[in-house]
C-alpha atoms as a PDB file:
ATOM      1  CA  UNK A   1      -6.670  -0.152   4.276  1.00  0.00           C
ATOM      2  CA  UNK A   2     -10.327  -0.282   3.257  1.00  0.00           C
ATOM      3  CA  UNK A   3      -9.551   1.950   0.287  1.00  0.00           C
ATOM      4  CA  UNK A   4      -7.131  -0.560  -1.297  1.00  0.00           C
ATOM      5  CA  UNK A   5      -8.780  -2.235  -4.246  1.00  0.00           C
ATOM      6  CA  UNK A   6      -7.755  -4.411  -7.155  1.00  0.00           C
ATOM      7  CA  UNK A   7      -9.846  -4.472 -10.316  1.00  0.00           C
ATOM      8  CA  UNK A   8      -9.474  -7.555 -12.488  1.00  0.00           C
ATOM      9  CA  UNK A   9      -9.941  -7.039 -16.215  1.00  0.00           C
ATOM     10  CA  UNK A  10     -10.423  -9.902 -18.658  1.00  0.00           C
ATOM     11  CA  UNK A  11      -9.256  -9.600 -22.265  1.00  0.00           C
ATOM     12  CA  UNK A  12     -12.170 -10.252 -24.670  1.00  0.00           C
ATOM     13  CA  UNK A  13     -10.125 -12.138 -27.268  1.00  0.00           C
ATOM     14  CA  UNK A  14      -7.931 -14.257 -24.992  1.00  0.00           C
ATOM     15  CA  UNK A  15      -8.151 -15.862 -21.541  1.00  0.00           C
ATOM     16  CA  UNK A  16      -5.666 -13.265 -20.215  1.00  0.00           C
ATOM     17  CA  UNK A  17      -6.534 -11.352 -17.040  1.00  0.00           C
ATOM     18  CA  UNK A  18      -4.943  -8.160 -15.749  1.00  0.00           C
ATOM     19  CA  UNK A  19      -4.865  -6.579 -12.302  1.00  0.00           C
ATOM     20  CA  UNK A  20      -5.370  -2.821 -11.950  1.00  0.00           C
ATOM     21  CA  UNK A  21      -4.455  -1.776  -8.380  1.00  0.00           C
ATOM     22  CA  UNK A  22      -5.850   1.356  -6.768  1.00  0.00           C
ATOM     23  CA  UNK A  23      -3.739   4.153  -5.312  1.00  0.00           C
ATOM     24  CA  UNK A  24      -2.445   3.418  -1.803  1.00  0.00           C
ATOM     25  CA  UNK A  25      -2.308   6.159   0.804  1.00  0.00           C
ATOM     26  CA  UNK A  26       0.891   6.845   2.748  1.00  0.00           C
ATOM     27  CA  UNK A  27      -0.657   5.288   5.858  1.00  0.00           C
ATOM     28  CA  UNK A  28      -1.707   2.147   3.976  1.00  0.00           C
ATOM     29  CA  UNK A  29       1.832   1.781   2.580  1.00  0.00           C
ATOM     30  CA  UNK A  30       3.277   2.106   6.098  1.00  0.00           C
ATOM     31  CA  UNK A  31       0.972  -0.611   7.428  1.00  0.00           C
ATOM     32  CA  UNK A  32       1.853  -2.935   4.547  1.00  0.00           C
ATOM     33  CA  UNK A  33       5.563  -2.310   5.119  1.00  0.00           C
ATOM     34  CA  UNK A  34       5.171  -3.202   8.819  1.00  0.00           C
ATOM     35  CA  UNK A  35       3.820  -6.636   7.885  1.00  0.00           C
ATOM     36  CA  UNK A  36       6.406  -7.220   5.157  1.00  0.00           C
ATOM     37  CA  UNK A  37       4.210  -6.474   2.124  1.00  0.00           C
ATOM     38  CA  UNK A  38       4.318  -3.946  -0.697  1.00  0.00           C
ATOM     39  CA  UNK A  39       1.606  -2.413  -2.892  1.00  0.00           C
ATOM     40  CA  UNK A  40       2.525  -1.865  -6.520  1.00  0.00           C
ATOM     41  CA  UNK A  41       0.221   0.540  -8.364  1.00  0.00           C
ATOM     42  CA  UNK A  42       1.347  -0.594 -11.819  1.00  0.00           C
ATOM     43  CA  UNK A  43      -1.062  -2.773 -13.841  1.00  0.00           C
ATOM     44  CA  UNK A  44       0.078  -6.393 -14.163  1.00  0.00           C
ATOM     45  CA  UNK A  45      -0.844  -9.611 -15.957  1.00  0.00           C
ATOM     46  CA  UNK A  46      -2.306 -12.280 -13.673  1.00  0.00           C
ATOM     47  CA  UNK A  47      -0.515 -15.599 -14.249  1.00  0.00           C
ATOM     48  CA  UNK A  48      -2.676 -18.387 -15.714  1.00  0.00           C
ATOM     49  CA  UNK A  49      -3.991 -20.839 -13.148  1.00  0.00           C
ATOM     50  CA  UNK A  50      -4.314 -18.324 -10.296  1.00  0.00           C
ATOM     51  CA  UNK A  51      -7.468 -18.944  -8.289  1.00  0.00           C
ATOM     52  CA  UNK A  52      -9.704 -16.234  -6.854  1.00  0.00           C
ATOM     53  CA  UNK A  53     -10.255 -17.814  -3.451  1.00  0.00           C
ATOM     54  CA  UNK A  54      -6.694 -18.510  -2.348  1.00  0.00           C
ATOM     55  CA  UNK A  55      -4.462 -16.618  -4.751  1.00  0.00           C
ATOM     56  CA  UNK A  56      -2.490 -19.828  -5.138  1.00  0.00           C
ATOM     57  CA  UNK A  57      -1.504 -21.482  -8.407  1.00  0.00           C
ATOM     58  CA  UNK A  58      -3.451 -24.626  -9.242  1.00  0.00           C
ATOM     59  CA  UNK A  59      -1.403 -27.839  -9.090  1.00  0.00           C
END
């Protein structure tokens, strides 16, 4: 689980941010599945208003 990482990239011309997940090992995927989570290795756009500390959308 220590090897799971998420890099956050910020677009220079816009306020857009993107998440770039690391590769998850088979064991890490099994642990995540046991607790009802998944790990997607595809890059994704981070929705506006997401905070770093809680991961929750600002009200």
